[in-house]
Amino acid sequence: SIAKGDGQYAKLLANLAKVDVLILDDWGLMKLNAENRRDLLEVLEDRHGRRSTIATSQLPMDQWHDVIGDATLADAILDRLVHNAYKINLRGESMRKTQSKLTDTATSE
């Protein structure tokens, strides 16, 4: 939104298209609005088949369509993000939880 407001949007898109690996961390925490959907599609379209994009999420992939919203744009976004992707599903305790147990110095008596 800021880049659009100050006229830097095209430059931002060009820079995102050039990044070797773009990471979408904690993908799907909030539903996308119409502007978010269009922006994400534009970013992924510029990168598709040229650069790597990594999405991390605690939301199962079968729910991503709902988070994106608009069915047509969701299909287009997921086509670029998910198809031909390597998918790694992790199981077990959160690494943050496991690591906190290792560093917990409190004792209970």
PDB file of N, CA and C in Angstrom:
ATOM      1  N   SER A   1       0.818  -1.190   0.000  1.00  0.00           N
ATOM      2  CA  SER A   1       0.000   0.000   0.000  1.00  0.00           C
ATOM      3  C   SER A   1       0.860   1.252   0.000  1.00  0.00           C
ATOM      4  N   ILE A   2       1.923   1.237   0.779  1.00  0.00           N
ATOM      5  CA  ILE A   2       2.817   2.401   0.834  1.00  0.00           C
ATOM      6  C   ILE A   2       3.497   2.607  -0.510  1.00  0.00           C
ATOM      7  N   ALA A   3       3.968   1.515  -1.127  1.00  0.00           N
ATOM      8  CA  ALA A   3       4.644   1.619  -2.424  1.00  0.00           C
ATOM      9  C   ALA A   3       3.705   2.158  -3.488  1.00  0.00           C
ATOM     10  N   LYS A   4       2.444   1.796  -3.415  1.00  0.00           N
ATOM     11  CA  LYS A   4       1.467   2.334  -4.369  1.00  0.00           C
ATOM     12  C   LYS A   4       1.266   3.821  -4.130  1.00  0.00           C
ATOM     13  N   GLY A   5       1.211   4.205  -2.869  1.00  0.00           N
ATOM     14  CA  GLY A   5       0.977   5.600  -2.503  1.00  0.00           C
ATOM     15  C   GLY A   5       2.097   6.537  -2.897  1.00  0.00           C
ATOM     16  N   ASP A   6       3.332   6.067  -2.801  1.00  0.00           N
ATOM     17  CA  ASP A   6       4.446   6.963  -3.126  1.00  0.00           C
ATOM     18  C   ASP A   6       5.044   6.710  -4.513  1.00  0.00           C
ATOM     19  N   GLY A   7       4.345   5.936  -5.323  1.00  0.00           N
ATOM     20  CA  GLY A   7       4.776   5.732  -6.706  1.00  0.00           C
ATOM     21  C   GLY A   7       5.891   4.719  -6.895  1.00  0.00           C
ATOM     22  N   GLN A   8       6.172   3.909  -5.884  1.00  0.00           N
ATOM     23  CA  GLN A   8       7.276   2.942  -5.948  1.00  0.00           C
ATOM     24  C   GLN A   8       6.813   1.514  -6.218  1.00  0.00           C
ATOM     25  N   TYR A   9       5.526   1.329  -6.511  1.00  0.00           N
ATOM     26  CA  TYR A   9       4.966  -0.014  -6.665  1.00  0.00           C
ATOM     27  C   TYR A   9       5.647  -0.806  -7.781  1.00  0.00           C
ATOM     28  N   ALA A  10       5.815  -0.192  -8.932  1.00  0.00           N
ATOM     29  CA  ALA A  10       6.447  -0.890 -10.063  1.00  0.00           C
ATOM     30  C   ALA A  10       7.877  -1.297  -9.712  1.00  0.00           C
ATOM     31  N   LYS A  11       8.584  -0.427  -9.019  1.00  0.00           N
ATOM     32  CA  LYS A  11       9.961  -0.728  -8.610  1.00  0.00           C
ATOM     33  C   LYS A  11       9.980  -1.875  -7.598  1.00  0.00           C
ATOM     34  N   LEU A  12       9.030  -1.869  -6.660  1.00  0.00           N
ATOM     35  CA  LEU A  12       8.936  -2.950  -5.675  1.00  0.00           C
ATOM     36  C   LEU A  12       8.674  -4.282  -6.360  1.00  0.00           C
ATOM     37  N   LEU A  13       7.745  -4.305  -7.302  1.00  0.00           N
ATOM     38  CA  LEU A  13       7.460  -5.542  -8.037  1.00  0.00           C
ATOM     39  C   LEU A  13       8.694  -6.036  -8.784  1.00  0.00           C
ATOM     40  N   ALA A  14       9.407  -5.116  -9.410  1.00  0.00           N
ATOM     41  CA  ALA A  14      10.621  -5.496 -10.143  1.00  0.00           C
ATOM     42  C   ALA A  14      11.661  -6.080  -9.193  1.00  0.00           C
ATOM     43  N   ASN A  15      11.801  -5.494  -8.016  1.00  0.00           N
ATOM     44  CA  ASN A  15      12.761  -6.008  -7.033  1.00  0.00           C
ATOM     45  C   ASN A  15      12.353  -7.381  -6.509  1.00  0.00           C
ATOM     46  N   LEU A  16      11.064  -7.572  -6.239  1.00  0.00           N
ATOM     47  CA  LEU A  16      10.597  -8.884  -5.772  1.00  0.00           C
ATOM     48  C   LEU A  16      10.770  -9.951  -6.844  1.00  0.00           C
ATOM     49  N   ALA A  17      10.634  -9.568  -8.086  1.00  0.00           N
ATOM     50  CA  ALA A  17      10.804 -10.523  -9.187  1.00  0.00           C
ATOM     51  C   ALA A  17      12.246 -10.990  -9.309  1.00  0.00           C
ATOM     52  N   LYS A  18      13.196 -10.167  -8.855  1.00  0.00           N
ATOM     53  CA  LYS A  18      14.623 -10.481  -8.987  1.00  0.00           C
ATOM     54  C   LYS A  18      15.190 -11.272  -7.813  1.00  0.00           C
ATOM     55  N   VAL A  19      14.508 -11.275  -6.682  1.00  0.00           N
ATOM     56  CA  VAL A  19      15.004 -11.978  -5.495  1.00  0.00           C
ATOM     57  C   VAL A  19      15.079 -13.467  -5.816  1.00  0.00           C
ATOM     58  N   ASP A  20      16.231 -14.091  -5.535  1.00  0.00           N
ATOM     59  CA  ASP A  20      16.408 -15.509  -5.863  1.00  0.00           C
ATOM     60  C   ASP A  20      15.414 -16.403  -5.139  1.00  0.00           C
ATOM     61  N   VAL A  21      15.203 -16.158  -3.835  1.00  0.00           N
ATOM     62  CA  VAL A  21      14.262 -16.961  -3.052  1.00  0.00           C
ATOM     63  C   VAL A  21      13.401 -16.007  -2.228  1.00  0.00           C
ATOM     64  N   LEU A  22      12.111 -16.019  -2.504  1.00  0.00           N
ATOM     65  CA  LEU A  22      11.150 -15.216  -1.752  1.00  0.00           C
ATOM     66  C   LEU A  22      10.452 -16.139  -0.775  1.00  0.00           C
ATOM     67  N   ILE A  23      10.429 -15.768   0.511  1.00  0.00           N
ATOM     68  CA  ILE A  23       9.814 -16.613   1.533  1.00  0.00           C
ATOM     69  C   ILE A  23       8.552 -15.944   2.051  1.00  0.00           C
ATOM     70  N   LEU A  24       7.449 -16.665   1.920  1.00  0.00           N
ATOM     71  CA  LEU A  24       6.172 -16.240   2.486  1.00  0.00           C
ATOM     72  C   LEU A  24       6.026 -17.002   3.798  1.00  0.00           C
ATOM     73  N   ASP A  25       6.434 -16.391   4.884  1.00  0.00           N
ATOM     74  CA  ASP A  25       6.463 -17.063   6.183  1.00  0.00           C
ATOM     75  C   ASP A  25       5.117 -16.911   6.874  1.00  0.00           C
ATOM     76  N   ASP A  26       4.671 -17.959   7.541  1.00  0.00           N
ATOM     77  CA  ASP A  26       3.386 -17.992   8.234  1.00  0.00           C
ATOM     78  C   ASP A  26       2.231 -17.667   7.292  1.00  0.00           C
ATOM     79  N   TRP A  27       2.292 -18.216   6.103  1.00  0.00           N
ATOM     80  CA  TRP A  27       1.260 -18.012   5.085  1.00  0.00           C
ATOM     81  C   TRP A  27      -0.103 -18.441   5.611  1.00  0.00           C
ATOM     82  N   GLY A  28      -1.104 -17.647   5.345  1.00  0.00           N
ATOM     83  CA  GLY A  28      -2.468 -18.010   5.659  1.00  0.00           C
ATOM     84  C   GLY A  28      -2.947 -17.631   7.041  1.00  0.00           C
ATOM     85  N   LEU A  29      -2.213 -16.784   7.742  1.00  0.00           N
ATOM     86  CA  LEU A  29      -2.664 -16.379   9.075  1.00  0.00           C
ATOM     87  C   LEU A  29      -3.925 -15.525   9.013  1.00  0.00           C
ATOM     88  N   MET A  30      -4.050 -14.724   7.938  1.00  0.00           N
ATOM     89  CA  MET A  30      -5.221 -13.871   7.768  1.00  0.00           C
ATOM     90  C   MET A  30      -5.749 -14.014   6.346  1.00  0.00           C
ATOM     91  N   LYS A  31      -7.039 -13.839   6.197  1.00  0.00           N
ATOM     92  CA  LYS A  31      -7.640 -13.874   4.861  1.00  0.00           C
ATOM     93  C   LYS A  31      -7.162 -12.674   4.060  1.00  0.00           C
ATOM     94  N   LEU A  32      -6.991 -12.891   2.767  1.00  0.00           N
ATOM     95  CA  LEU A  32      -6.554 -11.809   1.891  1.00  0.00           C
ATOM     96  C   LEU A  32      -7.753 -10.975   1.450  1.00  0.00           C
ATOM     97  N   ASN A  33      -7.526  -9.671   1.321  1.00  0.00           N
ATOM     98  CA  ASN A  33      -8.569  -8.826   0.747  1.00  0.00           C
ATOM     99  C   ASN A  33      -8.320  -8.718  -0.759  1.00  0.00           C
ATOM    100  N   ALA A  34      -9.179  -8.031  -1.465  1.00  0.00           N
ATOM    101  CA  ALA A  34      -9.089  -7.955  -2.930  1.00  0.00           C
ATOM    102  C   ALA A  34      -7.743  -7.396  -3.387  1.00  0.00           C
ATOM    103  N   GLU A  35      -7.261  -6.368  -2.716  1.00  0.00           N
ATOM    104  CA  GLU A  35      -5.975  -5.772  -3.095  1.00  0.00           C
ATOM    105  C   GLU A  35      -4.824  -6.744  -2.850  1.00  0.00           C
ATOM    106  N   ASN A  36      -4.851  -7.433  -1.699  1.00  0.00           N
ATOM    107  CA  ASN A  36      -3.815  -8.427  -1.382  1.00  0.00           C
ATOM    108  C   ASN A  36      -3.769  -9.527  -2.434  1.00  0.00           C
ATOM    109  N   ARG A  37      -4.941 -10.000  -2.843  1.00  0.00           N
ATOM    110  CA  ARG A  37      -5.012 -11.072  -3.853  1.00  0.00           C
ATOM    111  C   ARG A  37      -4.382 -10.632  -5.166  1.00  0.00           C
ATOM    112  N   ARG A  38      -4.741  -9.444  -5.619  1.00  0.00           N
ATOM    113  CA  ARG A  38      -4.193  -8.945  -6.890  1.00  0.00           C
ATOM    114  C   ARG A  38      -2.681  -8.759  -6.806  1.00  0.00           C
ATOM    115  N   ASP A  39      -2.215  -8.198  -5.682  1.00  0.00           N
ATOM    116  CA  ASP A  39      -0.777  -7.986  -5.504  1.00  0.00           C
ATOM    117  C   ASP A  39      -0.018  -9.302  -5.478  1.00  0.00           C
ATOM    118  N   LEU A  40      -0.535 -10.275  -4.720  1.00  0.00           N
ATOM    119  CA  LEU A  40       0.138 -11.572  -4.632  1.00  0.00           C
ATOM    120  C   LEU A  40       0.184 -12.256  -5.987  1.00  0.00           C
ATOM    121  N   LEU A  41      -0.908 -12.208  -6.717  1.00  0.00           N
ATOM    122  CA  LEU A  41      -0.912 -12.804  -8.050  1.00  0.00           C
ATOM    123  C   LEU A  41       0.128 -12.146  -8.946  1.00  0.00           C
ATOM    124  N   GLU A  42       0.229 -10.846  -8.864  1.00  0.00           N
ATOM    125  CA  GLU A  42       1.198 -10.135  -9.698  1.00  0.00           C
ATOM    126  C   GLU A  42       2.633 -10.530  -9.338  1.00  0.00           C
ATOM    127  N   VAL A  43       2.918 -10.627  -8.043  1.00  0.00           N
ATOM    128  CA  VAL A  43       4.254 -11.036  -7.604  1.00  0.00           C
ATOM    129  C   VAL A  43       4.557 -12.458  -8.074  1.00  0.00           C
ATOM    130  N   LEU A  44       3.628 -13.376  -7.857  1.00  0.00           N
ATOM    131  CA  LEU A  44       3.862 -14.773  -8.240  1.00  0.00           C
ATOM    132  C   LEU A  44       3.936 -14.944  -9.749  1.00  0.00           C
ATOM    133  N   GLU A  45       3.165 -14.174 -10.483  1.00  0.00           N
ATOM    134  CA  GLU A  45       3.215 -14.238 -11.948  1.00  0.00           C
ATOM    135  C   GLU A  45       4.595 -13.818 -12.458  1.00  0.00           C
ATOM    136  N   ASP A  46       5.143 -12.760 -11.871  1.00  0.00           N
ATOM    137  CA  ASP A  46       6.473 -12.278 -12.273  1.00  0.00           C
ATOM    138  C   ASP A  46       7.569 -13.289 -11.953  1.00  0.00           C
ATOM    139  N   ARG A  47       7.388 -14.082 -10.894  1.00  0.00           N
ATOM    140  CA  ARG A  47       8.409 -15.025 -10.447  1.00  0.00           C
ATOM    141  C   ARG A  47       8.239 -16.419 -11.029  1.00  0.00           C
ATOM    142  N   HIS A  48       7.028 -16.775 -11.443  1.00  0.00           N
ATOM    143  CA  HIS A  48       6.706 -18.139 -11.854  1.00  0.00           C
ATOM    144  C   HIS A  48       7.644 -18.656 -12.945  1.00  0.00           C
ATOM    145  N   GLY A  49       8.289 -19.782 -12.645  1.00  0.00           N
ATOM    146  CA  GLY A  49       9.187 -20.411 -13.604  1.00  0.00           C
ATOM    147  C   GLY A  49      10.552 -19.740 -13.709  1.00  0.00           C
ATOM    148  N   ARG A  50      10.772 -18.699 -12.921  1.00  0.00           N
ATOM    149  CA  ARG A  50      12.042 -17.959 -13.005  1.00  0.00           C
ATOM    150  C   ARG A  50      12.833 -17.984 -11.693  1.00  0.00           C
ATOM    151  N   ARG A  51      12.119 -17.856 -10.583  1.00  0.00           N
ATOM    152  CA  ARG A  51      12.751 -17.777  -9.269  1.00  0.00           C
ATOM    153  C   ARG A  51      11.997 -18.678  -8.294  1.00  0.00           C
ATOM    154  N   SER A  52      12.617 -18.957  -7.170  1.00  0.00           N
ATOM    155  CA  SER A  52      12.012 -19.834  -6.162  1.00  0.00           C
ATOM    156  C   SER A  52      11.190 -19.030  -5.157  1.00  0.00           C
ATOM    157  N   THR A  53      10.079 -19.623  -4.756  1.00  0.00           N
ATOM    158  CA  THR A  53       9.235 -19.044  -3.718  1.00  0.00           C
ATOM    159  C   THR A  53       8.932 -20.146  -2.713  1.00  0.00           C
ATOM    160  N   ILE A  54       9.128 -19.837  -1.439  1.00  0.00           N
ATOM    161  CA  ILE A  54       8.867 -20.782  -0.362  1.00  0.00           C
ATOM    162  C   ILE A  54       7.717 -20.230   0.474  1.00  0.00           C
ATOM    163  N   ALA A  55       6.742 -21.066   0.744  1.00  0.00           N
ATOM    164  CA  ALA A  55       5.639 -20.697   1.631  1.00  0.00           C
ATOM    165  C   ALA A  55       5.657 -21.626   2.822  1.00  0.00           C
ATOM    166  N   THR A  56       5.671 -21.057   4.016  1.00  0.00           N
ATOM    167  CA  THR A  56       5.562 -21.859   5.231  1.00  0.00           C
ATOM    168  C   THR A  56       4.214 -21.555   5.860  1.00  0.00           C
ATOM    169  N   SER A  57       3.583 -22.573   6.395  1.00  0.00           N
ATOM    170  CA  SER A  57       2.252 -22.365   6.950  1.00  0.00           C
ATOM    171  C   SER A  57       1.911 -23.460   7.937  1.00  0.00           C
ATOM    172  N   GLN A  58       1.131 -23.098   8.930  1.00  0.00           N
ATOM    173  CA  GLN A  58       0.573 -24.104   9.820  1.00  0.00           C
ATOM    174  C   GLN A  58      -0.820 -24.491   9.350  1.00  0.00           C
ATOM    175  N   LEU A  59      -1.299 -23.809   8.329  1.00  0.00           N
ATOM    176  CA  LEU A  59      -2.613 -24.076   7.761  1.00  0.00           C
ATOM    177  C   LEU A  59      -2.487 -25.169   6.705  1.00  0.00           C
ATOM    178  N   PRO A  60      -3.292 -26.219   6.789  1.00  0.00           N
ATOM    179  CA  PRO A  60      -3.213 -27.268   5.768  1.00  0.00           C
ATOM    180  C   PRO A  60      -3.474 -26.695   4.364  1.00  0.00           C
ATOM    181  N   MET A  61      -2.784 -27.245   3.389  1.00  0.00           N
ATOM    182  CA  MET A  61      -2.892 -26.726   2.024  1.00  0.00           C
ATOM    183  C   MET A  61      -4.318 -26.763   1.488  1.00  0.00           C
ATOM    184  N   ASP A  62      -5.115 -27.711   1.936  1.00  0.00           N
ATOM    185  CA  ASP A  62      -6.485 -27.777   1.429  1.00  0.00           C
ATOM    186  C   ASP A  62      -7.354 -26.609   1.920  1.00  0.00           C
ATOM    187  N   GLN A  63      -6.824 -25.790   2.826  1.00  0.00           N
ATOM    188  CA  GLN A  63      -7.547 -24.613   3.307  1.00  0.00           C
ATOM    189  C   GLN A  63      -7.025 -23.304   2.717  1.00  0.00           C
ATOM    190  N   TRP A  64      -5.961 -23.364   1.934  1.00  0.00           N
ATOM    191  CA  TRP A  64      -5.374 -22.147   1.369  1.00  0.00           C
ATOM    192  C   TRP A  64      -6.341 -21.423   0.441  1.00  0.00           C
ATOM    193  N   HIS A  65      -7.118 -22.182  -0.312  1.00  0.00           N
ATOM    194  CA  HIS A  65      -8.073 -21.597  -1.255  1.00  0.00           C
ATOM    195  C   HIS A  65      -9.034 -20.659  -0.518  1.00  0.00           C
ATOM    196  N   ASP A  66      -9.515 -21.092   0.640  1.00  0.00           N
ATOM    197  CA  ASP A  66     -10.447 -20.277   1.426  1.00  0.00           C
ATOM    198  C   ASP A  66      -9.789 -19.015   1.964  1.00  0.00           C
ATOM    199  N   VAL A  67      -8.531 -19.106   2.364  1.00  0.00           N
ATOM    200  CA  VAL A  67      -7.817 -17.943   2.889  1.00  0.00           C
ATOM    201  C   VAL A  67      -7.633 -16.885   1.800  1.00  0.00           C
ATOM    202  N   ILE A  68      -7.404 -17.321   0.591  1.00  0.00           N
ATOM    203  CA  ILE A  68      -7.213 -16.368  -0.504  1.00  0.00           C
ATOM    204  C   ILE A  68      -8.528 -15.661  -0.820  1.00  0.00           C
ATOM    205  N   GLY A  69      -9.609 -16.420  -0.840  1.00  0.00           N
ATOM    206  CA  GLY A  69     -10.904 -15.784  -1.083  1.00  0.00           C
ATOM    207  C   GLY A  69     -11.400 -16.032  -2.486  1.00  0.00           C
ATOM    208  N   ASP A  70     -11.519 -15.014  -3.276  1.00  0.00           N
ATOM    209  CA  ASP A  70     -12.057 -15.062  -4.640  1.00  0.00           C
ATOM    210  C   ASP A  70     -11.592 -16.321  -5.365  1.00  0.00           C
ATOM    211  N   ALA A  71     -12.546 -17.142  -5.795  1.00  0.00           N
ATOM    212  CA  ALA A  71     -12.233 -18.460  -6.355  1.00  0.00           C
ATOM    213  C   ALA A  71     -11.346 -18.391  -7.585  1.00  0.00           C
ATOM    214  N   THR A  72     -11.616 -17.445  -8.468  1.00  0.00           N
ATOM    215  CA  THR A  72     -10.836 -17.341  -9.703  1.00  0.00           C
ATOM    216  C   THR A  72      -9.399 -16.935  -9.411  1.00  0.00           C
ATOM    217  N   LEU A  73      -9.222 -15.921  -8.565  1.00  0.00           N
ATOM    218  CA  LEU A  73      -7.861 -15.496  -8.218  1.00  0.00           C
ATOM    219  C   LEU A  73      -7.157 -16.550  -7.374  1.00  0.00           C
ATOM    220  N   ALA A  74      -7.894 -17.228  -6.510  1.00  0.00           N
ATOM    221  CA  ALA A  74      -7.290 -18.294  -5.706  1.00  0.00           C
ATOM    222  C   ALA A  74      -6.751 -19.403  -6.599  1.00  0.00           C
ATOM    223  N   ASP A  75      -7.511 -19.774  -7.611  1.00  0.00           N
ATOM    224  CA  ASP A  75      -7.036 -20.791  -8.559  1.00  0.00           C
ATOM    225  C   ASP A  75      -5.751 -20.331  -9.244  1.00  0.00           C
ATOM    226  N   ALA A  76      -5.726 -19.086  -9.686  1.00  0.00           N
ATOM    227  CA  ALA A  76      -4.551 -18.562 -10.384  1.00  0.00           C
ATOM    228  C   ALA A  76      -3.338 -18.483  -9.458  1.00  0.00           C
ATOM    229  N   ILE A  77      -3.545 -18.007  -8.239  1.00  0.00           N
ATOM    230  CA  ILE A  77      -2.438 -17.895  -7.271  1.00  0.00           C
ATOM    231  C   ILE A  77      -1.893 -19.269  -6.917  1.00  0.00           C
ATOM    232  N   LEU A  78      -2.778 -20.195  -6.581  1.00  0.00           N
ATOM    233  CA  LEU A  78      -2.327 -21.528  -6.183  1.00  0.00           C
ATOM    234  C   LEU A  78      -1.723 -22.299  -7.343  1.00  0.00           C
ATOM    235  N   ASP A  79      -2.186 -22.033  -8.550  1.00  0.00           N
ATOM    236  CA  ASP A  79      -1.577 -22.655  -9.723  1.00  0.00           C
ATOM    237  C   ASP A  79      -0.101 -22.285  -9.805  1.00  0.00           C
ATOM    238  N   ARG A  80       0.219 -21.045  -9.506  1.00  0.00           N
ATOM    239  CA  ARG A  80       1.605 -20.578  -9.579  1.00  0.00           C
ATOM    240  C   ARG A  80       2.414 -20.957  -8.348  1.00  0.00           C
ATOM    241  N   LEU A  81       1.757 -21.076  -7.207  1.00  0.00           N
ATOM    242  CA  LEU A  81       2.466 -21.337  -5.957  1.00  0.00           C
ATOM    243  C   LEU A  81       2.615 -22.818  -5.645  1.00  0.00           C
ATOM    244  N   VAL A  82       1.611 -23.623  -5.915  1.00  0.00           N
ATOM    245  CA  VAL A  82       1.583 -25.008  -5.452  1.00  0.00           C
ATOM    246  C   VAL A  82       1.982 -26.022  -6.520  1.00  0.00           C
ATOM    247  N   HIS A  83       1.531 -25.831  -7.746  1.00  0.00           N
ATOM    248  CA  HIS A  83       1.822 -26.812  -8.790  1.00  0.00           C
ATOM    249  C   HIS A  83       3.312 -26.785  -9.127  1.00  0.00           C
ATOM    250  N   ASN A  84       3.869 -27.932  -9.334  1.00  0.00           N
ATOM    251  CA  ASN A  84       5.304 -28.127  -9.554  1.00  0.00           C
ATOM    252  C   ASN A  84       6.124 -27.746  -8.328  1.00  0.00           C
ATOM    253  N   ALA A  85       5.499 -27.779  -7.155  1.00  0.00           N
ATOM    254  CA  ALA A  85       6.203 -27.436  -5.919  1.00  0.00           C
ATOM    255  C   ALA A  85       6.590 -28.705  -5.172  1.00  0.00           C
ATOM    256  N   TYR A  86       7.629 -28.592  -4.377  1.00  0.00           N
ATOM    257  CA  TYR A  86       7.973 -29.645  -3.441  1.00  0.00           C
ATOM    258  C   TYR A  86       7.187 -29.355  -2.169  1.00  0.00           C
ATOM    259  N   LYS A  87       6.470 -30.336  -1.685  1.00  0.00           N
ATOM    260  CA  LYS A  87       5.653 -30.151  -0.485  1.00  0.00           C
ATOM    261  C   LYS A  87       6.232 -30.998   0.636  1.00  0.00           C
ATOM    262  N   ILE A  88       6.460 -30.363   1.766  1.00  0.00           N
ATOM    263  CA  ILE A  88       7.002 -31.050   2.929  1.00  0.00           C
ATOM    264  C   ILE A  88       6.024 -30.846   4.078  1.00  0.00           C
ATOM    265  N   ASN A  89       5.402 -31.922   4.511  1.00  0.00           N
ATOM    266  CA  ASN A  89       4.480 -31.865   5.643  1.00  0.00           C
ATOM    267  C   ASN A  89       5.218 -32.359   6.879  1.00  0.00           C
ATOM    268  N   LEU A  90       5.307 -31.509   7.866  1.00  0.00           N
ATOM    269  CA  LEU A  90       5.998 -31.848   9.105  1.00  0.00           C
ATOM    270  C   LEU A  90       4.988 -32.292  10.145  1.00  0.00           C
ATOM    271  N   ARG A  91       5.418 -33.189  11.006  1.00  0.00           N
ATOM    272  CA  ARG A  91       4.585 -33.672  12.100  1.00  0.00           C
ATOM    273  C   ARG A  91       5.365 -33.550  13.395  1.00  0.00           C
ATOM    274  N   GLY A  92       4.649 -33.621  14.477  1.00  0.00           N
ATOM    275  CA  GLY A  92       5.307 -33.604  15.781  1.00  0.00           C
ATOM    276  C   GLY A  92       5.207 -32.256  16.458  1.00  0.00           C
ATOM    277  N   GLU A  93       5.939 -32.156  17.562  1.00  0.00           N
ATOM    278  CA  GLU A  93       5.940 -30.934  18.360  1.00  0.00           C
ATOM    279  C   GLU A  93       6.562 -29.768  17.593  1.00  0.00           C
ATOM    280  N   SER A  94       6.135 -28.591  17.940  1.00  0.00           N
ATOM    281  CA  SER A  94       6.731 -27.372  17.397  1.00  0.00           C
ATOM    282  C   SER A  94       8.200 -27.307  17.825  1.00  0.00           C
ATOM    283  N   MET A  95       9.066 -26.889  16.921  1.00  0.00           N
ATOM    284  CA  MET A  95      10.486 -26.755  17.261  1.00  0.00           C
ATOM    285  C   MET A  95      10.672 -25.688  18.340  1.00  0.00           C
ATOM    286  N   ARG A  96       9.874 -24.653  18.336  1.00  0.00           N
ATOM    287  CA  ARG A  96       9.972 -23.622  19.375  1.00  0.00           C
ATOM    288  C   ARG A  96       9.661 -24.228  20.750  1.00  0.00           C
ATOM    289  N   LYS A  97       8.662 -25.086  20.780  1.00  0.00           N
ATOM    290  CA  LYS A  97       8.287 -25.733  22.033  1.00  0.00           C
ATOM    291  C   LYS A  97       9.402 -26.668  22.499  1.00  0.00           C
ATOM    292  N   THR A  98       9.933 -27.441  21.571  1.00  0.00           N
ATOM    293  CA  THR A  98      11.001 -28.384  21.897  1.00  0.00           C
ATOM    294  C   THR A  98      12.247 -27.641  22.373  1.00  0.00           C
ATOM    295  N   GLN A  99      12.613 -26.567  21.685  1.00  0.00           N
ATOM    296  CA  GLN A  99      13.806 -25.810  22.056  1.00  0.00           C
ATOM    297  C   GLN A  99      13.629 -25.099  23.387  1.00  0.00           C
ATOM    298  N   SER A 100      12.422 -24.643  23.677  1.00  0.00           N
ATOM    299  CA  SER A 100      12.210 -23.957  24.952  1.00  0.00           C
ATOM    300  C   SER A 100      12.401 -24.926  26.120  1.00  0.00           C
ATOM    301  N   LYS A 101      12.074 -26.198  25.934  1.00  0.00           N
ATOM    302  CA  LYS A 101      12.291 -27.193  26.977  1.00  0.00           C
ATOM    303  C   LYS A 101      13.780 -27.373  27.246  1.00  0.00           C
ATOM    304  N   LEU A 102      14.594 -27.233  26.203  1.00  0.00           N
ATOM    305  CA  LEU A 102      16.036 -27.391  26.366  1.00  0.00           C
ATOM    306  C   LEU A 102      16.661 -26.221  27.109  1.00  0.00           C
ATOM    307  N   THR A 103      16.071 -25.035  26.951  1.00  0.00           N
ATOM    308  CA  THR A 103      16.667 -23.843  27.557  1.00  0.00           C
ATOM    309  C   THR A 103      15.954 -23.409  28.824  1.00  0.00           C
ATOM    310  N   ASP A 104      14.913 -24.118  29.223  1.00  0.00           N
ATOM    311  CA  ASP A 104      14.158 -23.769  30.421  1.00  0.00           C
ATOM    312  C   ASP A 104      15.017 -24.057  31.639  1.00  0.00           C
ATOM    313  N   THR A 105      15.311 -22.997  32.408  1.00  0.00           N
ATOM    314  CA  THR A 105      16.165 -23.163  33.591  1.00  0.00           C
ATOM    315  C   THR A 105      15.353 -23.150  34.883  1.00  0.00           C
ATOM    316  N   ALA A 106      14.062 -22.925  34.763  1.00  0.00           N
ATOM    317  CA  ALA A 106      13.222 -22.901  35.961  1.00  0.00           C
ATOM    318  C   ALA A 106      13.045 -24.324  36.510  1.00  0.00           C
ATOM    319  N   THR A 107      13.060 -24.423  37.796  1.00  0.00           N
ATOM    320  CA  THR A 107      12.814 -25.734  38.419  1.00  0.00           C
ATOM    321  C   THR A 107      11.578 -25.604  39.283  1.00  0.00           C
ATOM    322  N   SER A 108      10.863 -26.659  39.388  1.00  0.00           N
ATOM    323  CA  SER A 108       9.663 -26.645  40.226  1.00  0.00           C
ATOM    324  C   SER A 108       9.879 -27.541  41.435  1.00  0.00           C
ATOM    325  N   GLU A 109       9.764 -26.959  42.594  1.00  0.00           N
ATOM    326  CA  GLU A 109       9.930 -27.721  43.834  1.00  0.00           C
ATOM    327  C   GLU A 109       8.808 -27.439  44.760  1.00  0.00           C
TER     328      GLU A 109
END
